[in-house]
Amino acid sequence: MKSSVLKENLKEGLMVVERIATKSLSLPVLNNILMTATKNTLELSATDLEIAVTYTILSKNEQEGLVVIPSKALSQFVGLLSDQSVDLETKEGTLLVKGKNQRANLKTIPADDFPIIPPIQNPKFSITIPAQLLCEGISQIAQLASPNQARPEISGIFFSFSQKELRVVATDSFRLGEKTLPLEKENGVDAHFILPQKGAREILNIFSEKTSSVEISLSANQVLFDYHAPQNPSEPSIQIISRLIEGEYPNYQDVIPSKYQTTIKAKKIELLNQLKAASIFSNKIQEIHVVADPKKKAIELSARSAEFGENDSTLQASIEGKGGEASFNWRFLIDGLSHIKTSDVEFKMNGSDGPASLKGVQEEGYQYIIMPLRV
């Protein structure tokens, strides 16, 4: 292999793929990246056997070829080069990395030892969605999923495609977030899958600032997120392939109430500030008690701690319905509010036992369901 590539493009690509290259004692080859020069491109690939990322940039290749090299050492060295371009050449078991006044020889390992990244073949489903829209949806709910060995299906993010929309859902069984995203073109096939949370985080890390679209292709046990910008050939192409979580996602819509006893409308910032103040005095189960009083047109927040004391506050709000009270985990309330994008929020309650809902006033597509504490 003998190639020349812009330093900034190589540096950015290495930063992306080296996050996937894991420290593995049983499979040290996973600490490396695969570099492939073909035609006029250079591909950088890494995998942890659950996720694989391929980052493709333009390059000038005098000789095609491939090499497997330590990701960290190469990334650190390239980052310190002051040249605009970097020359790469394989020589007798090493990779020569050369700038104008600096050079390094990195030891390589046999390319045959690197795991094969299986491609998506004959996908049963494919749809295109703007990268920023996809990331916006995932960012509002991804933090809700949590590892669960007893119920692995809720450890990931649920993607559900219908004719005109995509719903992304996550839950830890105590709270649930759902974001509905419109599709630019009608989809002729209904499909769904469960993406591991790590895959969702990599989508956010890699695509959140991209301005073109992502093509999502689904096979029996894998999903491909393929980013390319045909209007800008100099922009890198990026592929994320992830395994899927097997199993059936719970019928989450059964836990979303069709009606509520009480609807509260309040200022998001004011409610957040009072919750943060009350959290200082919450007990070991992080309890905050909420009372909605339609007559006073206010909600009352209170917290009690044997260690620190107690806190009471009142927030003026619009309240419709019968009113009521319930106790909640303050962290869960703050998480839900923090991902609402509007200045006014709608907080719906069903007493001390029923699920409550948080959403933005006039914010389409996002809702956050939270269960009260049973105290």
Protein backbone atom coordinates (compact mmCIF):
# COMPACT_ATOMS: atom_id res chain seq x y z
CA MET A 1 0.00 0.00 0.00
CA LYS A 2 1.25 3.48 -0.86
CA SER A 3 -1.05 6.45 -0.33
CA SER A 4 -1.16 10.17 0.32
CA VAL A 5 -4.02 11.73 2.27
CA LEU A 6 -4.92 15.08 3.82
CA LYS A 7 -3.84 15.11 7.45
CA GLU A 8 -7.08 16.62 8.81
CA ASN A 9 -9.20 14.00 7.04
CA LEU A 10 -7.03 11.20 8.36
CA LYS A 11 -6.99 12.66 11.86
CA GLU A 12 -10.78 12.97 11.99
CA GLY A 13 -11.27 9.46 10.66
CA LEU A 14 -8.88 7.98 13.21
CA MET A 15 -10.69 9.77 16.04
CA VAL A 16 -13.95 8.18 14.93
CA VAL A 17 -12.80 4.58 14.50
CA GLU A 18 -10.42 4.37 17.46
CA ARG A 19 -13.37 4.73 19.86
CA ILE A 20 -14.55 1.33 18.63
CA ALA A 21 -11.13 -0.35 18.86
CA THR A 22 -11.38 -1.93 22.32
CA LYS A 23 -8.84 -3.08 24.86
CA SER A 24 -9.31 -6.81 24.67
CA LEU A 25 -7.04 -9.26 26.48
CA SER A 26 -8.56 -12.29 24.80
CA LEU A 27 -8.58 -10.72 21.31
CA PRO A 28 -5.79 -8.10 21.16
CA VAL A 29 -6.37 -7.72 17.40
CA LEU A 30 -9.44 -5.64 18.31
CA ASN A 31 -7.10 -2.92 19.61
CA ASN A 32 -6.12 -2.29 15.99
CA ILE A 33 -7.72 -0.75 12.93
CA LEU A 34 -7.84 -2.00 9.36
CA MET A 35 -6.65 0.48 6.74
CA THR A 36 -7.53 -0.28 3.11
CA ALA A 37 -6.42 1.70 0.06
CA THR A 38 -8.46 1.09 -3.07
CA LYS A 39 -9.02 3.19 -6.20
CA ASN A 40 -9.07 6.79 -4.91
CA THR A 41 -10.17 6.17 -1.32
CA LEU A 42 -8.76 5.13 2.03
CA GLU A 43 -10.98 3.12 4.38
CA LEU A 44 -10.43 3.03 8.14
CA SER A 45 -12.29 0.23 9.93
CA ALA A 46 -12.62 -0.93 13.52
CA THR A 47 -14.85 -3.39 15.34
CA ASP A 48 -15.53 -4.71 18.84
CA LEU A 49 -17.54 -7.63 17.40
CA GLU A 50 -20.79 -5.89 18.35
CA ILE A 51 -20.34 -2.70 16.33
CA ALA A 52 -18.19 -2.02 13.29
CA VAL A 53 -17.38 1.43 11.88
CA THR A 54 -15.89 2.17 8.48
CA TYR A 55 -14.75 5.71 7.66
CA THR A 56 -13.89 6.38 4.00
CA ILE A 57 -11.93 9.43 2.79
CA LEU A 58 -10.44 10.51 -0.51
CA SER A 59 -6.78 9.66 -1.05
CA LYS A 60 -4.18 9.46 -3.79
CA ASN A 61 -3.13 5.83 -4.05
CA GLU A 62 -0.05 4.84 -5.97
CA GLN A 63 -0.44 1.26 -4.78
CA GLU A 64 -3.54 -0.41 -3.40
CA GLY A 65 -3.39 -2.63 -0.35
CA LEU A 66 -4.36 -3.05 3.28
CA VAL A 67 -2.70 -3.05 6.66
CA VAL A 68 -3.69 -3.60 10.32
CA ILE A 69 -2.10 -1.20 12.79
CA PRO A 70 -2.45 -0.02 16.42
CA SER A 71 -5.10 2.69 16.44
CA LYS A 72 -3.88 4.72 19.42
CA ALA A 73 -0.26 5.09 18.33
CA LEU A 74 -1.19 6.11 14.78
CA SER A 75 -3.82 8.60 15.95
CA GLN A 76 -1.47 10.25 18.43
CA PHE A 77 1.36 10.57 15.91
CA VAL A 78 -0.84 11.94 13.10
CA GLY A 79 -2.34 14.47 15.52
CA LEU A 80 1.13 15.92 16.18
CA LEU A 81 2.10 16.34 12.53
CA SER A 82 2.13 19.92 11.24
CA ASP A 83 1.92 19.01 7.54
CA GLN A 84 -1.21 19.33 5.42
CA SER A 85 -0.75 15.88 3.91
CA VAL A 86 0.51 12.53 5.18
CA ASP A 87 2.20 9.77 3.18
CA LEU A 88 1.50 6.15 4.11
CA GLU A 89 3.49 3.17 2.83
CA THR A 90 3.78 -0.45 3.92
CA LYS A 91 7.30 -1.89 4.11
CA GLU A 92 8.30 -5.32 5.46
CA GLY A 93 5.80 -5.63 8.30
CA THR A 94 5.66 -1.92 9.13
CA LEU A 95 3.70 1.13 8.07
CA LEU A 96 5.77 4.18 7.24
CA VAL A 97 3.91 7.35 8.23
CA LYS A 98 5.64 10.40 6.84
CA GLY A 99 5.22 14.15 6.90
CA LYS A 100 7.64 16.72 5.55
CA ASN A 101 10.00 16.70 8.55
CA GLN A 102 8.72 13.75 10.61
CA ARG A 103 8.37 10.05 10.03
CA ALA A 104 7.49 6.95 12.01
CA ASN A 105 7.48 3.21 11.39
CA LEU A 106 4.57 1.44 13.05
CA LYS A 107 4.58 -2.31 13.53
CA THR A 108 1.71 -4.06 11.79
CA ILE A 109 -0.02 -7.39 12.29
CA PRO A 110 -1.20 -9.84 9.62
CA ALA A 111 -4.37 -8.58 7.97
CA ASP A 112 -5.80 -12.12 8.01
CA ASP A 113 -6.04 -11.89 11.81
CA PHE A 114 -8.45 -8.96 11.67
CA PRO A 115 -12.13 -10.01 12.07
CA ILE A 116 -14.20 -9.93 8.92
CA ILE A 117 -16.88 -7.25 9.10
CA PRO A 118 -19.93 -8.96 7.56
CA PRO A 119 -21.73 -6.74 5.05
CA ILE A 120 -25.48 -6.25 4.93
CA GLN A 121 -26.63 -8.49 2.09
CA ASN A 122 -30.11 -8.49 0.59
CA PRO A 123 -31.59 -6.11 3.16
CA LYS A 124 -35.25 -6.70 3.88
CA PHE A 125 -35.78 -3.02 4.55
CA SER A 126 -34.09 0.28 3.64
CA ILE A 127 -35.06 3.90 4.34
CA THR A 128 -33.31 7.28 4.22
CA ILE A 129 -33.59 9.94 6.94
CA PRO A 130 -31.71 13.23 7.54
CA ALA A 131 -28.81 12.65 9.93
CA GLN A 132 -29.69 15.58 12.18
CA LEU A 133 -33.31 14.47 12.50
CA LEU A 134 -32.23 10.94 13.42
CA CYS A 135 -29.78 12.23 16.03
CA GLU A 136 -32.34 14.62 17.47
CA GLY A 137 -34.74 11.74 18.08
CA ILE A 138 -32.16 9.39 19.57
CA SER A 139 -30.67 12.08 21.83
CA GLN A 140 -34.00 12.64 23.59
CA ILE A 141 -34.48 9.02 24.66
CA ALA A 142 -31.18 7.08 24.47
CA GLN A 143 -30.19 7.73 28.09
CA LEU A 144 -33.26 5.84 29.34
CA ALA A 145 -32.08 2.40 28.26
CA SER A 146 -30.01 0.54 30.85
CA PRO A 147 -28.33 -2.88 31.01
CA ASN A 148 -30.79 -5.54 32.10
CA GLN A 149 -29.70 -9.19 32.01
CA ALA A 150 -33.14 -10.45 32.96
CA ARG A 151 -34.80 -8.43 30.17
CA PRO A 152 -32.13 -7.76 27.52
CA GLU A 153 -34.72 -6.38 25.09
CA ILE A 154 -35.10 -3.18 27.17
CA SER A 155 -31.31 -2.69 27.21
CA GLY A 156 -31.50 -1.18 23.73
CA ILE A 157 -33.33 1.41 21.65
CA PHE A 158 -36.49 0.29 19.87
CA PHE A 159 -36.87 1.50 16.26
CA SER A 160 -40.34 1.13 14.76
CA PHE A 161 -40.97 2.17 11.14
CA SER A 162 -44.47 2.63 9.76
CA GLN A 163 -45.71 4.13 6.50
CA LYS A 164 -44.92 7.77 7.27
CA GLU A 165 -42.92 7.88 10.49
CA LEU A 166 -40.20 6.41 12.67
CA ARG A 167 -40.66 5.97 16.40
CA VAL A 168 -37.65 5.55 18.67
CA VAL A 169 -38.35 4.32 22.18
CA ALA A 170 -36.33 3.53 25.29
CA THR A 171 -37.29 2.45 28.79
CA ASP A 172 -35.75 1.15 32.02
CA SER A 173 -39.19 -0.05 33.23
CA PHE A 174 -39.52 2.94 35.62
CA ARG A 175 -39.77 5.54 32.85
CA LEU A 176 -40.19 5.59 29.10
CA GLY A 177 -39.35 8.02 26.33
CA GLU A 178 -40.85 8.03 22.84
CA LYS A 179 -39.88 10.29 19.94
CA THR A 180 -41.83 10.25 16.65
CA LEU A 181 -39.96 11.39 13.53
CA PRO A 182 -41.63 12.10 10.18
CA LEU A 183 -40.21 10.38 7.10
CA GLU A 184 -39.61 12.38 3.92
CA LYS A 185 -40.96 9.59 1.72
CA GLU A 186 -43.66 7.09 2.46
CA ASN A 187 -42.25 3.74 3.45
CA GLY A 188 -43.86 0.70 1.89
CA VAL A 189 -42.80 -1.74 4.61
CA ASP A 190 -43.42 -1.79 8.36
CA ALA A 191 -40.31 -2.88 10.25
CA HIS A 192 -38.81 -2.75 13.72
CA PHE A 193 -35.61 -3.71 15.54
CA ILE A 194 -33.79 -3.21 18.85
CA LEU A 195 -30.44 -1.42 18.61
CA PRO A 196 -27.92 -1.81 21.48
CA GLN A 197 -27.48 1.42 23.42
CA LYS A 198 -23.79 1.57 22.48
CA GLY A 199 -24.76 1.68 18.81
CA ALA A 200 -27.16 4.55 19.49
CA ARG A 201 -24.43 6.50 21.27
CA GLU A 202 -22.05 6.04 18.35
CA ILE A 203 -24.69 7.34 15.97
CA LEU A 204 -24.89 10.49 18.10
CA ASN A 205 -21.09 10.80 18.35
CA ILE A 206 -20.52 10.38 14.63
CA PHE A 207 -23.56 11.83 12.85
CA SER A 208 -24.79 14.66 15.09
CA GLU A 209 -23.04 17.39 13.10
CA LYS A 210 -23.55 15.87 9.66
CA THR A 211 -25.84 17.70 7.25
CA SER A 212 -26.73 14.99 4.73
CA SER A 213 -28.82 11.83 5.11
CA VAL A 214 -28.37 8.38 6.62
CA GLU A 215 -29.62 5.28 4.85
CA ILE A 216 -30.81 2.60 7.29
CA SER A 217 -30.74 -0.97 5.98
CA LEU A 218 -31.96 -3.94 7.98
CA SER A 219 -31.13 -7.63 7.72
CA ALA A 220 -32.12 -10.54 9.95
CA ASN A 221 -29.61 -9.82 12.72
CA GLN A 222 -27.79 -6.62 11.73
CA VAL A 223 -28.54 -3.01 10.88
CA LEU A 224 -26.48 -0.62 8.76
CA PHE A 225 -26.43 3.16 9.16
CA ASP A 226 -24.77 4.49 5.99
CA TYR A 227 -23.92 8.20 5.78
CA HIS A 228 -22.92 9.73 2.47
CA ALA A 229 -23.12 13.21 0.96
CA PRO A 230 -23.40 12.85 -2.83
CA GLN A 231 -23.55 16.63 -3.24
CA ASN A 232 -20.13 16.92 -1.58
CA PRO A 233 -17.75 14.15 -2.74
CA SER A 234 -14.96 15.44 -0.47
CA GLU A 235 -17.02 14.68 2.64
CA PRO A 236 -16.28 11.27 4.19
CA SER A 237 -18.61 8.31 3.88
CA ILE A 238 -19.29 6.56 7.18
CA GLN A 239 -20.87 3.21 7.86
CA ILE A 240 -21.95 1.87 11.24
CA ILE A 241 -22.96 -1.80 11.33
CA SER A 242 -24.41 -3.10 14.56
CA ARG A 243 -25.75 -6.42 15.70
CA LEU A 244 -29.33 -6.38 16.94
CA ILE A 245 -30.73 -7.40 20.31
CA GLU A 246 -32.85 -10.49 19.92
CA GLY A 247 -36.26 -10.71 21.48
CA GLU A 248 -39.60 -8.93 21.36
CA TYR A 249 -39.81 -5.40 22.66
CA PRO A 250 -42.60 -4.98 25.24
CA ASN A 251 -45.87 -3.51 24.05
CA TYR A 252 -44.97 -0.17 25.58
CA GLN A 253 -48.05 1.64 24.28
CA ASP A 254 -50.12 -0.26 26.83
CA VAL A 255 -48.50 1.73 29.66
CA ILE A 256 -49.19 5.14 28.07
CA PRO A 257 -52.51 6.40 29.52
CA SER A 258 -55.21 7.52 27.10
CA LYS A 259 -56.40 10.16 29.60
CA TYR A 260 -55.18 11.85 32.77
CA GLN A 261 -56.84 13.17 35.90
CA THR A 262 -54.77 16.35 36.08
CA THR A 263 -52.98 18.52 33.51
CA ILE A 264 -50.38 21.05 34.72
CA LYS A 265 -48.78 23.68 32.50
CA ALA A 266 -45.74 25.47 33.89
CA LYS A 267 -42.49 27.19 32.94
CA LYS A 268 -39.77 24.62 32.33
CA ILE A 269 -36.92 26.62 33.89
CA GLU A 270 -38.89 27.47 37.03
CA LEU A 271 -39.95 23.87 37.54
CA LEU A 272 -36.40 22.61 36.94
CA ASN A 273 -34.94 25.08 39.45
CA GLN A 274 -37.42 24.12 42.15
CA LEU A 275 -36.82 20.42 41.56
CA LYS A 276 -33.06 20.94 41.85
CA ALA A 277 -33.54 22.85 45.11
CA ALA A 278 -35.82 20.15 46.52
CA SER A 279 -33.39 17.40 45.47
CA ILE A 280 -30.88 18.69 48.03
CA PHE A 281 -33.24 17.58 50.79
CA SER A 282 -34.53 14.33 49.25
CA ASN A 283 -34.19 11.02 51.06
CA LYS A 284 -32.33 7.85 50.08
CA ILE A 285 -34.90 6.91 47.45
CA GLN A 286 -34.60 10.43 45.94
CA GLU A 287 -38.27 11.18 46.63
CA ILE A 288 -39.98 14.46 45.87
CA HIS A 289 -43.66 14.88 46.67
CA VAL A 290 -45.81 16.81 44.18
CA VAL A 291 -49.24 18.25 44.98
CA ALA A 292 -51.36 19.85 42.23
CA ASP A 293 -54.02 22.20 43.62
CA PRO A 294 -56.49 23.57 41.03
CA LYS A 295 -57.96 26.07 43.53
CA LYS A 296 -54.59 27.66 44.29
CA LYS A 297 -53.52 27.33 40.64
CA ALA A 298 -50.18 26.07 41.90
CA ILE A 299 -48.12 22.97 42.42
CA GLU A 300 -46.34 22.32 45.69
CA LEU A 301 -43.05 20.46 45.87
CA SER A 302 -41.63 19.04 49.08
CA ALA A 303 -38.73 16.87 50.15
CA ARG A 304 -37.68 15.48 53.53
CA SER A 305 -34.31 14.15 54.62
CA ALA A 306 -33.30 12.89 58.06
CA GLU A 307 -29.77 14.09 57.29
CA PHE A 308 -30.30 17.57 55.81
CA GLY A 309 -33.79 18.73 56.78
CA GLU A 310 -36.73 19.67 54.62
CA ASN A 311 -37.75 21.88 51.71
CA ASP A 312 -41.11 23.22 50.53
CA SER A 313 -41.81 25.35 47.48
CA THR A 314 -44.79 26.58 45.45
CA LEU A 315 -44.91 27.17 41.71
CA GLN A 316 -47.75 29.01 39.99
CA ALA A 317 -49.17 26.96 37.13
CA SER A 318 -52.22 26.38 34.99
CA ILE A 319 -54.03 23.32 36.34
CA GLU A 320 -56.96 21.50 34.74
CA GLY A 321 -58.77 18.51 36.20
CA LYS A 322 -59.31 17.21 39.70
CA GLY A 323 -55.79 17.79 41.02
CA GLY A 324 -53.96 15.25 43.13
CA GLU A 325 -50.61 14.26 44.54
CA ALA A 326 -47.83 11.74 43.94
CA SER A 327 -44.19 11.10 44.78
CA PHE A 328 -41.50 10.84 42.11
CA ASN A 329 -37.79 10.21 41.79
CA TRP A 330 -36.38 13.72 41.28
CA ARG A 331 -33.63 12.51 38.94
CA PHE A 332 -36.20 10.96 36.63
CA LEU A 333 -38.26 14.17 36.57
CA ILE A 334 -35.21 16.29 35.78
CA ASP A 335 -34.09 13.88 33.03
CA GLY A 336 -37.47 14.17 31.34
CA LEU A 337 -37.63 17.96 31.62
CA SER A 338 -34.05 18.40 30.38
CA HIS A 339 -34.88 16.83 27.01
CA ILE A 340 -37.94 19.00 26.39
CA LYS A 341 -37.14 21.74 23.90
CA THR A 342 -39.93 24.26 24.63
CA SER A 343 -40.02 26.86 27.40
CA ASP A 344 -43.43 25.68 28.64
CA VAL A 345 -44.07 22.10 29.75
CA GLU A 346 -47.15 19.99 30.25
CA PHE A 347 -47.13 17.66 33.26
CA LYS A 348 -50.02 15.21 33.43
CA MET A 349 -50.76 13.08 36.48
CA ASN A 350 -52.98 10.15 37.39
CA GLY A 351 -52.78 10.26 41.18
CA SER A 352 -50.31 8.41 43.36
CA ASP A 353 -50.39 5.11 41.44
CA GLY A 354 -50.86 5.88 37.74
CA PRO A 355 -48.22 6.83 35.16
CA ALA A 356 -47.48 10.52 34.69
CA SER A 357 -46.45 12.28 31.48
CA LEU A 358 -44.08 15.12 30.61
CA LYS A 359 -44.00 16.83 27.22
CA GLY A 360 -43.38 20.24 25.76
CA VAL A 361 -46.30 22.55 25.08
CA GLN A 362 -46.59 22.67 21.27
CA GLU A 363 -43.65 20.26 20.93
CA GLU A 364 -44.61 17.54 18.49
CA GLY A 365 -43.54 13.96 18.71
CA TYR A 366 -41.90 13.66 22.15
CA GLN A 367 -43.35 12.28 25.35
CA TYR A 368 -41.83 11.03 28.59
CA ILE A 369 -43.72 8.64 30.85
CA ILE A 370 -42.72 8.22 34.49
CA MET A 371 -44.06 5.95 37.21
CA PRO A 372 -44.70 7.39 40.70
CA LEU A 373 -42.80 6.02 43.68
CA ARG A 374 -44.80 3.68 45.85
CA VAL A 375 -44.09 4.93 49.38
